[in-house]
């Protein structure tokens, strides 16, 4: 676990009531799972962004100098292999660039599948959290629930690094 995240969990524990009940322990587990998913998603987004940046840099170096500026600008803004292939100038780029584009396309596809799986996990975790919130509301009341939500939200917003 990252130091910043550990500090928020520790703060969450200290702010909560001194006797840990089952809902608190479960809420901490849900928080850890949610934060883990958030951090994985952020890392994946950064990773694929760097991949597309590299492809766009490769494309820019390999596009013909006679290519119209507007077409070049539009092509370099796209982060979708199929759309890039639709540009007339794509046919003129080297096989190395085409191969690199296909590799990024495959990575992007696999990452998209993983993102969808993580989002499904996040939905299940959200359902658990709502159930726990309902239990806390019935057991401890609205004021306690508000405190739990405030602490949970602060911890969930902490940075991943």
C-alpha atoms as a PDB file:
ATOM      1  CA  UNK A   1       0.000   0.000   0.000  1.00  0.00           C
ATOM      2  CA  UNK A   2       1.182   3.510  -0.770  1.00  0.00           C
ATOM      3  CA  UNK A   3       2.117   5.844   2.169  1.00  0.00           C
ATOM      4  CA  UNK A   4      -0.447   8.544   1.338  1.00  0.00           C
ATOM      5  CA  UNK A   5      -3.249   6.003   1.131  1.00  0.00           C
ATOM      6  CA  UNK A   6      -2.153   4.411   4.422  1.00  0.00           C
ATOM      7  CA  UNK A   7      -2.341   7.794   6.141  1.00  0.00           C
ATOM      8  CA  UNK A   8      -5.947   8.237   5.015  1.00  0.00           C
ATOM      9  CA  UNK A   9      -6.902   4.760   6.192  1.00  0.00           C
ATOM     10  CA  UNK A  10      -5.239   5.467   9.536  1.00  0.00           C
ATOM     11  CA  UNK A  11      -7.106   8.771   9.812  1.00  0.00           C
ATOM     12  CA  UNK A  12     -10.328   6.981   8.920  1.00  0.00           C
ATOM     13  CA  UNK A  13      -9.695   4.461  11.680  1.00  0.00           C
ATOM     14  CA  UNK A  14      -8.864   7.114  14.280  1.00  0.00           C
ATOM     15  CA  UNK A  15     -11.840   9.315  13.479  1.00  0.00           C
ATOM     16  CA  UNK A  16     -14.244   6.373  13.612  1.00  0.00           C
ATOM     17  CA  UNK A  17     -15.652   5.203  16.920  1.00  0.00           C
ATOM     18  CA  UNK A  18     -13.079   3.570  19.170  1.00  0.00           C
ATOM     19  CA  UNK A  19     -14.779   0.152  19.173  1.00  0.00           C
ATOM     20  CA  UNK A  20     -14.561  -1.354  15.722  1.00  0.00           C
ATOM     21  CA  UNK A  21     -17.816  -2.902  14.699  1.00  0.00           C
ATOM     22  CA  UNK A  22     -18.326  -5.257  11.816  1.00  0.00           C
ATOM     23  CA  UNK A  23     -19.619  -2.510   9.508  1.00  0.00           C
ATOM     24  CA  UNK A  24     -16.516  -0.381  10.099  1.00  0.00           C
ATOM     25  CA  UNK A  25     -14.202  -3.247   9.281  1.00  0.00           C
ATOM     26  CA  UNK A  26     -16.177  -4.083   6.164  1.00  0.00           C
ATOM     27  CA  UNK A  27     -16.251  -0.427   5.130  1.00  0.00           C
ATOM     28  CA  UNK A  28     -12.473  -0.248   5.432  1.00  0.00           C
ATOM     29  CA  UNK A  29     -12.162  -3.325   3.234  1.00  0.00           C
ATOM     30  CA  UNK A  30     -14.507  -1.789   0.672  1.00  0.00           C
ATOM     31  CA  UNK A  31     -12.504   1.444   0.779  1.00  0.00           C
ATOM     32  CA  UNK A  32      -9.287  -0.427   0.139  1.00  0.00           C
ATOM     33  CA  UNK A  33     -10.833  -2.341  -2.769  1.00  0.00           C
ATOM     34  CA  UNK A  34     -12.331   0.816  -4.276  1.00  0.00           C
ATOM     35  CA  UNK A  35      -9.084   2.737  -3.960  1.00  0.00           C
ATOM     36  CA  UNK A  36      -7.153  -0.163  -5.478  1.00  0.00           C
ATOM     37  CA  UNK A  37      -9.442  -0.144  -8.519  1.00  0.00           C
ATOM     38  CA  UNK A  38      -9.236   3.645  -8.831  1.00  0.00           C
ATOM     39  CA  UNK A  39      -5.450   3.489  -8.805  1.00  0.00           C
ATOM     40  CA  UNK A  40      -5.321   0.659 -11.342  1.00  0.00           C
ATOM     41  CA  UNK A  41      -7.626   2.582 -13.679  1.00  0.00           C
ATOM     42  CA  UNK A  42      -5.546   5.755 -13.341  1.00  0.00           C
ATOM     43  CA  UNK A  43      -2.337   3.833 -14.009  1.00  0.00           C
ATOM     44  CA  UNK A  44      -3.832   2.137 -17.059  1.00  0.00           C
ATOM     45  CA  UNK A  45      -5.060   5.461 -18.430  1.00  0.00           C
ATOM     46  CA  UNK A  46      -1.594   6.976 -18.028  1.00  0.00           C
ATOM     47  CA  UNK A  47       0.049   3.943 -19.614  1.00  0.00           C
ATOM     48  CA  UNK A  48      -2.098   3.876 -22.733  1.00  0.00           C
ATOM     49  CA  UNK A  49      -1.805   7.655 -23.009  1.00  0.00           C
ATOM     50  CA  UNK A  50       1.982   7.326 -23.159  1.00  0.00           C
ATOM     51  CA  UNK A  51       1.646   4.586 -25.800  1.00  0.00           C
ATOM     52  CA  UNK A  52      -0.516   6.813 -28.003  1.00  0.00           C
ATOM     53  CA  UNK A  53       1.832   9.761 -27.460  1.00  0.00           C
ATOM     54  CA  UNK A  54       4.695   7.600 -28.738  1.00  0.00           C
ATOM     55  CA  UNK A  55       2.686   6.479 -31.781  1.00  0.00           C
ATOM     56  CA  UNK A  56       1.731  10.062 -32.586  1.00  0.00           C
ATOM     57  CA  UNK A  57       5.383  11.113 -32.312  1.00  0.00           C
ATOM     58  CA  UNK A  58       6.347   8.265 -34.670  1.00  0.00           C
ATOM     59  CA  UNK A  59       3.626   9.246 -37.093  1.00  0.00           C
ATOM     60  CA  UNK A  60       4.654  12.887 -37.017  1.00  0.00           C
ATOM     61  CA  UNK A  61       8.252  11.979 -37.908  1.00  0.00           C
ATOM     62  CA  UNK A  62       7.138   9.684 -40.726  1.00  0.00           C
ATOM     63  CA  UNK A  63       4.389  11.680 -42.391  1.00  0.00           C
ATOM     64  CA  UNK A  64       5.243  13.171 -45.763  1.00  0.00           C
ATOM     65  CA  UNK A  65       6.226  16.855 -45.638  1.00  0.00           C
ATOM     66  CA  UNK A  66       3.747  17.543 -48.426  1.00  0.00           C
ATOM     67  CA  UNK A  67       0.838  16.432 -46.255  1.00  0.00           C
ATOM     68  CA  UNK A  68      -1.663  19.264 -45.708  1.00  0.00           C
ATOM     69  CA  UNK A  69      -1.264  20.822 -42.251  1.00  0.00           C
ATOM     70  CA  UNK A  70      -4.934  20.357 -41.341  1.00  0.00           C
ATOM     71  CA  UNK A  71      -4.888  16.661 -42.227  1.00  0.00           C
ATOM     72  CA  UNK A  72      -1.639  16.181 -40.311  1.00  0.00           C
ATOM     73  CA  UNK A  73      -3.034  17.957 -37.243  1.00  0.00           C
ATOM     74  CA  UNK A  74      -6.249  15.911 -37.347  1.00  0.00           C
ATOM     75  CA  UNK A  75      -4.391  12.634 -37.811  1.00  0.00           C
ATOM     76  CA  UNK A  76      -2.106  13.325 -34.859  1.00  0.00           C
ATOM     77  CA  UNK A  77      -5.068  14.074 -32.598  1.00  0.00           C
ATOM     78  CA  UNK A  78      -6.701  10.689 -33.185  1.00  0.00           C
ATOM     79  CA  UNK A  79      -6.079   7.870 -30.737  1.00  0.00           C
ATOM     80  CA  UNK A  80      -7.816   5.153 -32.659  1.00  0.00           C
ATOM     81  CA  UNK A  81      -5.940   2.891 -35.055  1.00  0.00           C
ATOM     82  CA  UNK A  82      -8.890   2.333 -37.396  1.00  0.00           C
ATOM     83  CA  UNK A  83      -9.445   6.070 -37.776  1.00  0.00           C
ATOM     84  CA  UNK A  84      -5.752   6.705 -38.372  1.00  0.00           C
ATOM     85  CA  UNK A  85      -5.759   4.095 -41.116  1.00  0.00           C
ATOM     86  CA  UNK A  86      -8.548   6.004 -42.888  1.00  0.00           C
ATOM     87  CA  UNK A  87      -6.299   8.976 -43.644  1.00  0.00           C
ATOM     88  CA  UNK A  88      -4.893   8.984 -47.197  1.00  0.00           C
ATOM     89  CA  UNK A  89      -1.398   9.726 -45.906  1.00  0.00           C
ATOM     90  CA  UNK A  90      -1.369   6.582 -43.777  1.00  0.00           C
ATOM     91  CA  UNK A  91      -0.531   4.466 -46.810  1.00  0.00           C
ATOM     92  CA  UNK A  92       2.743   6.359 -47.160  1.00  0.00           C
ATOM     93  CA  UNK A  93       4.106   5.655 -43.670  1.00  0.00           C
ATOM     94  CA  UNK A  94       6.728   2.981 -43.053  1.00  0.00           C
ATOM     95  CA  UNK A  95       5.900  -0.599 -42.140  1.00  0.00           C
ATOM     96  CA  UNK A  96       7.562  -0.028 -38.749  1.00  0.00           C
ATOM     97  CA  UNK A  97       5.007   2.663 -37.940  1.00  0.00           C
ATOM     98  CA  UNK A  98       2.161   0.468 -39.158  1.00  0.00           C
ATOM     99  CA  UNK A  99       3.400  -2.410 -37.016  1.00  0.00           C
ATOM    100  CA  UNK A 100       3.767  -0.147 -33.958  1.00  0.00           C
ATOM    101  CA  UNK A 101       0.233   1.147 -34.518  1.00  0.00           C
ATOM    102  CA  UNK A 102      -1.111  -2.415 -34.636  1.00  0.00           C
ATOM    103  CA  UNK A 103       0.715  -3.252 -31.413  1.00  0.00           C
ATOM    104  CA  UNK A 104      -0.750  -0.228 -29.630  1.00  0.00           C
ATOM    105  CA  UNK A 105      -4.165  -1.103 -31.023  1.00  0.00           C
ATOM    106  CA  UNK A 106      -3.878  -4.591 -29.482  1.00  0.00           C
ATOM    107  CA  UNK A 107      -2.701  -3.190 -26.146  1.00  0.00           C
ATOM    108  CA  UNK A 108      -5.546  -0.681 -26.233  1.00  0.00           C
ATOM    109  CA  UNK A 109      -8.076  -3.450 -26.880  1.00  0.00           C
ATOM    110  CA  UNK A 110      -6.747  -5.618 -24.047  1.00  0.00           C
ATOM    111  CA  UNK A 111      -6.674  -2.636 -21.722  1.00  0.00           C
ATOM    112  CA  UNK A 112     -10.240  -1.757 -22.668  1.00  0.00           C
ATOM    113  CA  UNK A 113     -11.345  -5.267 -21.713  1.00  0.00           C
ATOM    114  CA  UNK A 114      -9.507  -4.992 -18.391  1.00  0.00           C
ATOM    115  CA  UNK A 115     -11.058  -1.566 -17.748  1.00  0.00           C
ATOM    116  CA  UNK A 116     -14.525  -2.992 -18.323  1.00  0.00           C
ATOM    117  CA  UNK A 117     -13.809  -5.815 -15.872  1.00  0.00           C
ATOM    118  CA  UNK A 118     -12.536  -3.326 -13.272  1.00  0.00           C
ATOM    119  CA  UNK A 119     -15.629  -1.175 -13.737  1.00  0.00           C
ATOM    120  CA  UNK A 120     -17.818  -4.212 -13.058  1.00  0.00           C
ATOM    121  CA  UNK A 121     -15.809  -4.850  -9.889  1.00  0.00           C
ATOM    122  CA  UNK A 122     -16.274  -1.208  -8.931  1.00  0.00           C
ATOM    123  CA  UNK A 123     -20.037  -1.540  -9.349  1.00  0.00           C
ATOM    124  CA  UNK A 124     -20.083  -4.553  -7.038  1.00  0.00           C
ATOM    125  CA  UNK A 125     -18.004  -2.659  -4.501  1.00  0.00           C
ATOM    126  CA  UNK A 126     -20.356   0.322  -4.735  1.00  0.00           C
ATOM    127  CA  UNK A 127     -23.280  -2.003  -3.973  1.00  0.00           C
ATOM    128  CA  UNK A 128     -21.438  -3.311  -0.912  1.00  0.00           C
ATOM    129  CA  UNK A 129     -20.747   0.238   0.230  1.00  0.00           C
ATOM    130  CA  UNK A 130     -24.399   1.252  -0.114  1.00  0.00           C
ATOM    131  CA  UNK A 131     -25.473  -1.813   1.859  1.00  0.00           C
ATOM    132  CA  UNK A 132     -22.992  -0.975   4.609  1.00  0.00           C
ATOM    133  CA  UNK A 133     -24.169   2.631   4.676  1.00  0.00           C
ATOM    134  CA  UNK A 134     -27.737   1.405   5.145  1.00  0.00           C
ATOM    135  CA  UNK A 135     -26.654  -0.856   8.005  1.00  0.00           C
ATOM    136  CA  UNK A 136     -24.780   2.008   9.665  1.00  0.00           C
ATOM    137  CA  UNK A 137     -27.783   4.286   9.266  1.00  0.00           C
ATOM    138  CA  UNK A 138     -30.089   1.770  10.955  1.00  0.00           C
ATOM    139  CA  UNK A 139     -27.596   0.873  13.661  1.00  0.00           C
ATOM    140  CA  UNK A 140     -25.959   4.234  14.457  1.00  0.00           C
ATOM    141  CA  UNK A 141     -28.142   6.930  12.887  1.00  0.00           C
ATOM    142  CA  UNK A 142     -27.815   9.717  10.341  1.00  0.00           C
ATOM    143  CA  UNK A 143     -25.101  11.673  12.156  1.00  0.00           C
ATOM    144  CA  UNK A 144     -22.785   8.670  12.366  1.00  0.00           C
ATOM    145  CA  UNK A 145     -23.470   7.810   8.729  1.00  0.00           C
ATOM    146  CA  UNK A 146     -22.612  11.364   7.667  1.00  0.00           C
ATOM    147  CA  UNK A 147     -19.284  11.113   9.525  1.00  0.00           C
ATOM    148  CA  UNK A 148     -18.472   7.761   7.909  1.00  0.00           C
ATOM    149  CA  UNK A 149     -19.324   9.096   4.452  1.00  0.00           C
ATOM    150  CA  UNK A 150     -17.192  12.196   4.961  1.00  0.00           C
ATOM    151  CA  UNK A 151     -14.165  10.162   6.076  1.00  0.00           C
ATOM    152  CA  UNK A 152     -14.686   7.571   3.358  1.00  0.00           C
ATOM    153  CA  UNK A 153     -14.937  10.205   0.630  1.00  0.00           C
ATOM    154  CA  UNK A 154     -11.774  11.960   1.830  1.00  0.00           C
ATOM    155  CA  UNK A 155      -9.846   8.687   1.886  1.00  0.00           C
ATOM    156  CA  UNK A 156     -11.188   7.619  -1.521  1.00  0.00           C
ATOM    157  CA  UNK A 157     -10.030  10.927  -3.060  1.00  0.00           C
ATOM    158  CA  UNK A 158      -6.439  10.506  -1.865  1.00  0.00           C
ATOM    159  CA  UNK A 159      -3.705  10.254  -4.485  1.00  0.00           C
ATOM    160  CA  UNK A 160      -2.503   6.881  -5.658  1.00  0.00           C
ATOM    161  CA  UNK A 161       1.208   7.633  -5.606  1.00  0.00           C
END
